[in-house]
C-alpha atoms as a PDB file:
ATOM      1  CA  UNK A   1      59.533  76.563  -8.145  1.00  0.00           C
ATOM      2  CA  UNK A   2      56.241  78.186  -9.116  1.00  0.00           C
ATOM      3  CA  UNK A   3      54.349  75.031  -8.101  1.00  0.00           C
ATOM      4  CA  UNK A   4      55.878  75.188  -4.613  1.00  0.00           C
ATOM      5  CA  UNK A   5      54.841  78.839  -4.169  1.00  0.00           C
ATOM      6  CA  UNK A   6      51.290  78.087  -5.319  1.00  0.00           C
ATOM      7  CA  UNK A   7      51.028  75.118  -2.937  1.00  0.00           C
ATOM      8  CA  UNK A   8      52.348  77.224  -0.028  1.00  0.00           C
ATOM      9  CA  UNK A   9      49.874  80.008  -0.861  1.00  0.00           C
ATOM     10  CA  UNK A  10      46.975  77.506  -0.916  1.00  0.00           C
ATOM     11  CA  UNK A  11      48.051  76.065   2.435  1.00  0.00           C
ATOM     12  CA  UNK A  12      48.406  79.547   3.957  1.00  0.00           C
ATOM     13  CA  UNK A  13      45.027  80.805   2.745  1.00  0.00           C
ATOM     14  CA  UNK A  14      43.373  77.521   3.735  1.00  0.00           C
ATOM     15  CA  UNK A  15      44.801  77.889   7.244  1.00  0.00           C
ATOM     16  CA  UNK A  16      43.580  81.510   7.494  1.00  0.00           C
ATOM     17  CA  UNK A  17      40.119  80.519   6.266  1.00  0.00           C
ATOM     18  CA  UNK A  18      39.795  77.695   8.804  1.00  0.00           C
ATOM     19  CA  UNK A  19      41.089  79.889  11.615  1.00  0.00           C
ATOM     20  CA  UNK A  20      38.580  82.672  10.827  1.00  0.00           C
ATOM     21  CA  UNK A  21      35.743  80.153  10.508  1.00  0.00           C
ATOM     22  CA  UNK A  22      36.561  78.574  13.882  1.00  0.00           C
ATOM     23  CA  UNK A  23      36.883  81.943  15.644  1.00  0.00           C
ATOM     24  CA  UNK A  24      33.669  83.139  14.014  1.00  0.00           C
ATOM     25  CA  UNK A  25      31.768  80.289  15.715  1.00  0.00           C
ATOM     26  CA  UNK A  26      32.499  81.812  19.140  1.00  0.00           C
ATOM     27  CA  UNK A  27      29.765  84.402  18.562  1.00  0.00           C
ATOM     28  CA  UNK A  28      29.653  88.061  17.678  1.00  0.00           C
ATOM     29  CA  UNK A  29      32.635  89.894  19.050  1.00  0.00           C
ATOM     30  CA  UNK A  30      34.072  86.609  20.356  1.00  0.00           C
ATOM     31  CA  UNK A  31      36.450  87.747  23.083  1.00  0.00           C
ATOM     32  CA  UNK A  32      38.095  85.597  25.691  1.00  0.00           C
ATOM     33  CA  UNK A  33      35.907  82.939  27.303  1.00  0.00           C
ATOM     34  CA  UNK A  34      33.207  83.580  24.701  1.00  0.00           C
ATOM     35  CA  UNK A  35      32.289  86.975  26.160  1.00  0.00           C
ATOM     36  CA  UNK A  36      31.698  90.026  24.012  1.00  0.00           C
ATOM     37  CA  UNK A  37      34.310  92.745  24.064  1.00  0.00           C
ATOM     38  CA  UNK A  38      33.105  95.851  25.865  1.00  0.00           C
ATOM     39  CA  UNK A  39      30.463  93.885  27.786  1.00  0.00           C
ATOM     40  CA  UNK A  40      30.678  94.130  31.568  1.00  0.00           C
ATOM     41  CA  UNK A  41      30.658  90.780  33.333  1.00  0.00           C
ATOM     42  CA  UNK A  42      29.270  92.318  36.537  1.00  0.00           C
ATOM     43  CA  UNK A  43      28.498  95.728  38.000  1.00  0.00           C
ATOM     44  CA  UNK A  44      31.174  97.238  40.250  1.00  0.00           C
ATOM     45  CA  UNK A  45      29.928  98.961  43.406  1.00  0.00           C
ATOM     46  CA  UNK A  46      31.714 100.879  46.140  1.00  0.00           C
ATOM     47  CA  UNK A  47      31.729  99.756  49.742  1.00  0.00           C
ATOM     48  CA  UNK A  48      30.233 102.584  51.854  1.00  0.00           C
ATOM     49  CA  UNK A  49      32.560 101.762  54.766  1.00  0.00           C
ATOM     50  CA  UNK A  50      36.052 101.341  53.284  1.00  0.00           C
ATOM     51  CA  UNK A  51      35.516 102.723  49.769  1.00  0.00           C
ATOM     52  CA  UNK A  52      36.860  99.703  47.884  1.00  0.00           C
ATOM     53  CA  UNK A  53      35.163  98.687  44.614  1.00  0.00           C
ATOM     54  CA  UNK A  54      33.992  95.092  44.190  1.00  0.00           C
ATOM     55  CA  UNK A  55      31.645  93.064  41.956  1.00  0.00           C
ATOM     56  CA  UNK A  56      28.030  93.358  43.112  1.00  0.00           C
ATOM     57  CA  UNK A  57      27.517  89.588  42.994  1.00  0.00           C
ATOM     58  CA  UNK A  58      30.287  89.147  45.605  1.00  0.00           C
ATOM     59  CA  UNK A  59      28.852  91.758  47.960  1.00  0.00           C
ATOM     60  CA  UNK A  60      27.567  91.213  51.479  1.00  0.00           C
ATOM     61  CA  UNK A  61      24.145  92.869  51.834  1.00  0.00           C
ATOM     62  CA  UNK A  62      23.157  94.912  54.872  1.00  0.00           C
ATOM     63  CA  UNK A  63      19.940  96.775  55.709  1.00  0.00           C
ATOM     64  CA  UNK A  64      20.332 100.399  56.839  1.00  0.00           C
ATOM     65  CA  UNK A  65      17.198 102.513  57.381  1.00  0.00           C
ATOM     66  CA  UNK A  66      15.177 100.209  55.112  1.00  0.00           C
ATOM     67  CA  UNK A  67      17.745 100.443  52.309  1.00  0.00           C
ATOM     68  CA  UNK A  68      19.908  97.514  51.204  1.00  0.00           C
ATOM     69  CA  UNK A  69      23.593  98.422  50.970  1.00  0.00           C
ATOM     70  CA  UNK A  70      26.316  96.125  49.666  1.00  0.00           C
ATOM     71  CA  UNK A  71      29.637  95.713  51.444  1.00  0.00           C
ATOM     72  CA  UNK A  72      32.893  94.045  50.432  1.00  0.00           C
ATOM     73  CA  UNK A  73      32.997  91.911  53.587  1.00  0.00           C
ATOM     74  CA  UNK A  74      31.144  91.102  56.763  1.00  0.00           C
ATOM     75  CA  UNK A  75      33.771  93.101  58.694  1.00  0.00           C
ATOM     76  CA  UNK A  76      32.954  96.286  56.773  1.00  0.00           C
ATOM     77  CA  UNK A  77      29.218  95.606  57.016  1.00  0.00           C
ATOM     78  CA  UNK A  78      29.385  95.128  60.796  1.00  0.00           C
ATOM     79  CA  UNK A  79      31.555  98.232  61.277  1.00  0.00           C
ATOM     80  CA  UNK A  80      29.161 100.350  59.184  1.00  0.00           C
ATOM     81  CA  UNK A  81      26.100  99.037  61.002  1.00  0.00           C
ATOM     82  CA  UNK A  82      27.762  99.699  64.372  1.00  0.00           C
ATOM     83  CA  UNK A  83      28.496 103.335  63.395  1.00  0.00           C
ATOM     84  CA  UNK A  84      25.020 103.986  61.981  1.00  0.00           C
ATOM     85  CA  UNK A  85      22.755 102.333  64.531  1.00  0.00           C
END
């Protein structure tokens, strides 16, 4: 009986060791998709027309008085430009 318990303990600790080693290879902090926990994927900005927040990389740029503003859609951009021109 003692041999069985020792073998099960070896298998369990071997499994834990391999699991930790494999997860450790994902990088420091290894969160989902290989990203670090607490690290923002993209900056969120607010649409000046409708007020919705969206990722900056998905924004639609528009020039207003020499300043580039980002909008959530072309509809919001066009409405804002129409009001402020």
